[in-house]
N, C-alpha and C. Protein backbone atom coordinates (compact mmCIF):
# COMPACT_ATOMS: atom_id res chain seq x y z
N MET A 1 49.73 115.01 209.33
CA MET A 1 50.78 114.18 209.90
C MET A 1 52.11 114.58 209.29
N ALA A 2 53.06 114.95 210.12
CA ALA A 2 54.38 115.39 209.66
C ALA A 2 55.25 114.17 209.36
N VAL A 3 55.97 114.25 208.24
CA VAL A 3 56.88 113.18 207.85
C VAL A 3 58.30 113.64 208.15
N GLU A 4 59.04 112.82 208.90
CA GLU A 4 60.41 113.17 209.24
C GLU A 4 61.30 113.01 208.01
N LYS A 5 62.03 114.05 207.68
CA LYS A 5 62.95 113.99 206.55
C LYS A 5 64.26 113.38 207.00
N ILE A 6 64.82 112.54 206.17
CA ILE A 6 66.06 111.86 206.48
C ILE A 6 67.15 112.37 205.55
N ASP A 7 68.26 112.79 206.15
CA ASP A 7 69.42 113.19 205.37
C ASP A 7 70.23 111.93 205.08
N HIS A 8 70.14 111.42 203.86
CA HIS A 8 70.80 110.17 203.50
C HIS A 8 72.31 110.29 203.40
N MET A 9 72.82 111.51 203.41
CA MET A 9 74.26 111.72 203.35
C MET A 9 74.88 111.79 204.75
N GLU A 10 74.05 111.82 205.75
CA GLU A 10 74.52 111.92 207.13
C GLU A 10 74.96 110.54 207.64
N TYR A 11 76.08 110.53 208.37
CA TYR A 11 76.57 109.27 208.93
C TYR A 11 75.62 108.78 210.01
N ARG A 12 75.33 107.49 209.96
CA ARG A 12 74.53 106.86 211.01
C ARG A 12 75.34 105.71 211.59
N GLU A 13 75.23 105.51 212.88
CA GLU A 13 75.96 104.47 213.58
C GLU A 13 75.79 103.12 212.90
N GLY A 14 76.91 102.47 212.58
CA GLY A 14 76.87 101.12 212.00
C GLY A 14 76.65 101.06 210.51
N MET A 15 76.57 102.21 209.83
CA MET A 15 76.24 102.17 208.40
C MET A 15 77.37 101.58 207.55
N GLU A 16 78.58 101.50 208.11
CA GLU A 16 79.67 100.92 207.35
C GLU A 16 79.66 99.39 207.42
N ILE A 17 78.81 98.85 208.24
CA ILE A 17 78.71 97.40 208.39
C ILE A 17 77.72 96.88 207.35
N ILE A 18 78.22 96.09 206.44
CA ILE A 18 77.39 95.55 205.37
C ILE A 18 77.29 94.05 205.58
N ASP A 19 76.10 93.60 205.85
CA ASP A 19 75.87 92.18 206.09
C ASP A 19 75.60 91.50 204.74
N SER A 20 76.69 91.16 204.07
CA SER A 20 76.56 90.58 202.75
C SER A 20 77.75 89.66 202.48
N ASP A 21 77.53 88.66 201.67
CA ASP A 21 78.60 87.75 201.30
C ASP A 21 79.15 88.04 199.90
N VAL A 22 78.74 89.15 199.32
CA VAL A 22 79.14 89.46 197.94
C VAL A 22 80.65 89.55 197.81
N MET A 23 81.31 90.27 198.71
CA MET A 23 82.75 90.41 198.60
C MET A 23 83.44 89.06 198.73
N ASP A 24 83.00 88.25 199.65
CA ASP A 24 83.60 86.92 199.81
C ASP A 24 83.41 86.08 198.56
N ARG A 25 82.24 86.16 197.95
CA ARG A 25 81.99 85.39 196.73
C ARG A 25 82.87 85.88 195.59
N VAL A 26 82.99 87.20 195.43
CA VAL A 26 83.82 87.76 194.36
C VAL A 26 85.28 87.34 194.57
N LEU A 27 85.77 87.48 195.79
CA LEU A 27 87.16 87.08 196.05
C LEU A 27 87.36 85.58 195.85
N GLY A 28 86.34 84.79 196.17
CA GLY A 28 86.43 83.36 195.94
C GLY A 28 86.60 83.05 194.46
N TYR A 29 85.82 83.72 193.59
CA TYR A 29 85.97 83.53 192.15
C TYR A 29 87.35 83.99 191.70
N PHE A 30 87.82 85.10 192.26
CA PHE A 30 89.12 85.64 191.89
C PHE A 30 90.24 84.63 192.20
N TYR A 31 90.22 84.08 193.39
CA TYR A 31 91.29 83.16 193.79
C TYR A 31 91.21 81.82 193.07
N ARG A 32 90.03 81.43 192.63
CA ARG A 32 89.88 80.15 191.92
C ARG A 32 90.03 80.29 190.40
N TYR A 33 90.11 81.52 189.89
CA TYR A 33 90.15 81.75 188.45
C TYR A 33 91.44 81.20 187.86
N ASP A 34 91.30 80.28 186.93
CA ASP A 34 92.44 79.70 186.23
C ASP A 34 92.30 80.02 184.75
N TYR A 35 92.91 81.10 184.32
CA TYR A 35 92.75 81.59 182.95
C TYR A 35 93.27 80.60 181.91
N LYS A 36 94.14 79.68 182.31
CA LYS A 36 94.73 78.73 181.36
C LYS A 36 93.76 77.61 180.95
N LYS A 37 92.69 77.44 181.70
CA LYS A 37 91.80 76.32 181.41
C LYS A 37 90.81 76.60 180.28
N TYR A 38 90.72 77.85 179.83
CA TYR A 38 89.74 78.22 178.80
C TYR A 38 90.35 78.11 177.40
N THR A 39 89.51 77.66 176.48
CA THR A 39 89.94 77.44 175.10
C THR A 39 89.14 78.34 174.16
N ALA A 40 89.52 78.32 172.90
CA ALA A 40 88.80 79.08 171.88
C ALA A 40 87.33 78.63 171.83
N TYR A 41 87.10 77.35 172.02
CA TYR A 41 85.72 76.83 172.03
C TYR A 41 84.91 77.50 173.15
N ASP A 42 85.49 77.63 174.33
CA ASP A 42 84.80 78.28 175.44
C ASP A 42 84.45 79.73 175.11
N VAL A 43 85.39 80.42 174.47
CA VAL A 43 85.18 81.82 174.11
C VAL A 43 84.06 81.93 173.08
N LEU A 44 84.10 81.10 172.04
CA LEU A 44 83.05 81.15 171.01
C LEU A 44 81.69 80.81 171.59
N ARG A 45 81.65 79.84 172.47
CA ARG A 45 80.38 79.47 173.11
C ARG A 45 79.84 80.66 173.91
N ALA A 46 80.71 81.35 174.64
CA ALA A 46 80.29 82.51 175.43
C ALA A 46 79.77 83.63 174.54
N LEU A 47 80.42 83.84 173.40
CA LEU A 47 80.00 84.90 172.48
C LEU A 47 78.63 84.61 171.85
N GLN A 48 78.26 83.36 171.76
CA GLN A 48 76.98 82.99 171.14
C GLN A 48 75.81 83.11 172.10
N LYS A 49 76.06 83.20 173.37
CA LYS A 49 74.98 83.23 174.36
C LYS A 49 74.37 84.62 174.48
N ASP A 50 73.04 84.63 174.65
CA ASP A 50 72.34 85.89 174.91
C ASP A 50 72.51 86.31 176.37
N TYR A 51 72.62 85.33 177.25
CA TYR A 51 72.75 85.60 178.67
C TYR A 51 73.95 84.81 179.23
N PRO A 52 75.15 85.35 179.04
CA PRO A 52 76.34 84.63 179.51
C PRO A 52 76.39 84.55 181.03
N GLY A 53 76.97 83.47 181.53
CA GLY A 53 77.13 83.27 182.96
C GLY A 53 78.53 83.62 183.41
N ILE A 54 78.81 83.33 184.66
CA ILE A 54 80.11 83.66 185.23
C ILE A 54 81.24 82.94 184.50
N GLU A 55 81.06 81.67 184.19
CA GLU A 55 82.11 80.92 183.48
C GLU A 55 82.33 81.49 182.08
N ASP A 56 81.26 81.97 181.46
CA ASP A 56 81.40 82.58 180.12
C ASP A 56 82.22 83.86 180.20
N PHE A 57 81.95 84.69 181.21
CA PHE A 57 82.75 85.90 181.38
C PHE A 57 84.20 85.57 181.70
N ALA A 58 84.41 84.52 182.45
CA ALA A 58 85.78 84.10 182.75
C ALA A 58 86.50 83.71 181.47
N ALA A 59 85.82 83.03 180.57
CA ALA A 59 86.42 82.66 179.29
C ALA A 59 86.75 83.90 178.46
N LEU A 60 85.85 84.89 178.49
CA LEU A 60 86.07 86.12 177.72
C LEU A 60 87.21 86.96 178.28
N LEU A 61 87.56 86.74 179.54
CA LEU A 61 88.68 87.46 180.15
C LEU A 61 90.01 86.71 180.00
N SER A 62 89.96 85.51 179.49
CA SER A 62 91.16 84.69 179.40
C SER A 62 91.98 85.04 178.15
N PRO A 63 93.25 84.63 178.12
CA PRO A 63 94.07 84.84 176.92
C PRO A 63 93.50 84.17 175.67
N ALA A 64 92.70 83.12 175.84
CA ALA A 64 92.11 82.45 174.69
C ALA A 64 91.17 83.37 173.92
N ALA A 65 90.72 84.45 174.55
CA ALA A 65 89.78 85.38 173.90
C ALA A 65 90.48 86.41 173.02
N GLU A 66 91.78 86.50 173.10
CA GLU A 66 92.50 87.54 172.36
C GLU A 66 92.19 87.55 170.85
N PRO A 67 92.14 86.41 170.18
CA PRO A 67 91.83 86.46 168.75
C PRO A 67 90.39 86.89 168.44
N TYR A 68 89.56 86.99 169.47
CA TYR A 68 88.14 87.29 169.27
C TYR A 68 87.77 88.68 169.79
N LEU A 69 88.77 89.55 169.98
CA LEU A 69 88.51 90.88 170.51
C LEU A 69 87.56 91.68 169.62
N GLU A 70 87.70 91.56 168.31
CA GLU A 70 86.82 92.29 167.40
C GLU A 70 85.38 91.80 167.54
N GLN A 71 85.18 90.50 167.62
CA GLN A 71 83.83 89.95 167.80
C GLN A 71 83.25 90.39 169.15
N MET A 72 84.09 90.43 170.17
CA MET A 72 83.64 90.89 171.48
C MET A 72 83.22 92.35 171.42
N ALA A 73 83.97 93.17 170.70
CA ALA A 73 83.64 94.59 170.57
C ALA A 73 82.32 94.79 169.83
N VAL A 74 82.10 94.00 168.78
CA VAL A 74 80.86 94.09 168.02
C VAL A 74 79.67 93.72 168.90
N LYS A 75 79.82 92.64 169.66
CA LYS A 75 78.74 92.21 170.56
C LYS A 75 78.50 93.26 171.65
N ALA A 76 79.56 93.81 172.20
CA ALA A 76 79.42 94.83 173.24
C ALA A 76 78.70 96.07 172.70
N ARG A 77 79.04 96.47 171.48
CA ARG A 77 78.38 97.63 170.87
C ARG A 77 76.90 97.35 170.67
N ALA A 78 76.56 96.16 170.19
CA ALA A 78 75.16 95.80 169.98
C ALA A 78 74.38 95.79 171.29
N GLU A 79 74.98 95.24 172.33
CA GLU A 79 74.32 95.20 173.65
C GLU A 79 74.12 96.61 174.19
N THR A 80 75.13 97.46 174.03
CA THR A 80 75.02 98.84 174.51
C THR A 80 73.89 99.56 173.78
N ARG A 81 73.83 99.43 172.48
CA ARG A 81 72.77 100.09 171.71
C ARG A 81 71.40 99.53 172.05
N LYS A 82 71.33 98.24 172.32
CA LYS A 82 70.05 97.62 172.67
C LYS A 82 69.49 98.23 173.96
N HIS A 83 70.37 98.49 174.91
CA HIS A 83 69.93 98.99 176.20
C HIS A 83 69.88 100.51 176.30
N PHE A 84 70.76 101.20 175.57
CA PHE A 84 70.86 102.65 175.73
C PHE A 84 70.63 103.44 174.45
N GLY A 85 70.46 102.76 173.32
CA GLY A 85 70.26 103.47 172.06
C GLY A 85 71.54 104.14 171.61
N ASN A 86 71.38 105.15 170.77
CA ASN A 86 72.54 105.86 170.24
C ASN A 86 72.86 107.12 171.04
N ALA A 87 72.14 107.32 172.13
CA ALA A 87 72.34 108.52 172.94
C ALA A 87 73.65 108.44 173.70
N VAL A 88 74.28 109.59 173.82
CA VAL A 88 75.48 109.70 174.62
C VAL A 88 75.18 110.71 175.72
N SER A 89 75.36 110.30 176.95
CA SER A 89 75.12 111.21 178.08
C SER A 89 76.45 111.53 178.74
N LEU A 90 76.67 112.79 178.96
CA LEU A 90 77.88 113.22 179.63
C LEU A 90 77.51 113.87 180.95
N PHE A 91 78.32 113.63 181.95
CA PHE A 91 78.12 114.26 183.24
C PHE A 91 79.42 114.98 183.60
N THR A 92 79.30 116.23 183.84
CA THR A 92 80.47 117.00 184.24
C THR A 92 80.20 117.57 185.62
N PRO A 93 80.94 117.12 186.61
CA PRO A 93 80.72 117.66 187.94
C PRO A 93 81.12 119.13 188.01
N LEU A 94 80.38 119.90 188.73
CA LEU A 94 80.65 121.32 188.86
C LEU A 94 81.10 121.60 190.28
N TYR A 95 82.28 122.14 190.42
CA TYR A 95 82.81 122.46 191.73
C TYR A 95 82.90 123.97 191.86
N ILE A 96 82.38 124.48 192.93
CA ILE A 96 82.41 125.94 193.15
C ILE A 96 83.46 126.26 194.19
């Protein structure tokens, strides 16, 4: 039985139509984001969570997080090492 090969890089009719509400949800969060409502308490609470939510990330993006940039960097480094180890992967595109 022959299997038809599909060229996934080839344009297919309607492929630009994405039936998803993701963009609308992201834009909704963007337009409702009020960076002034977050406090140092919100930032510290977000930093203590193993699984931060959307409101926690909003707090970490607010001006209230500025004094905690070093703690955020330490946590980010730990998370990166937990998931990827100490390996560094580089990708260099080759154009002929």
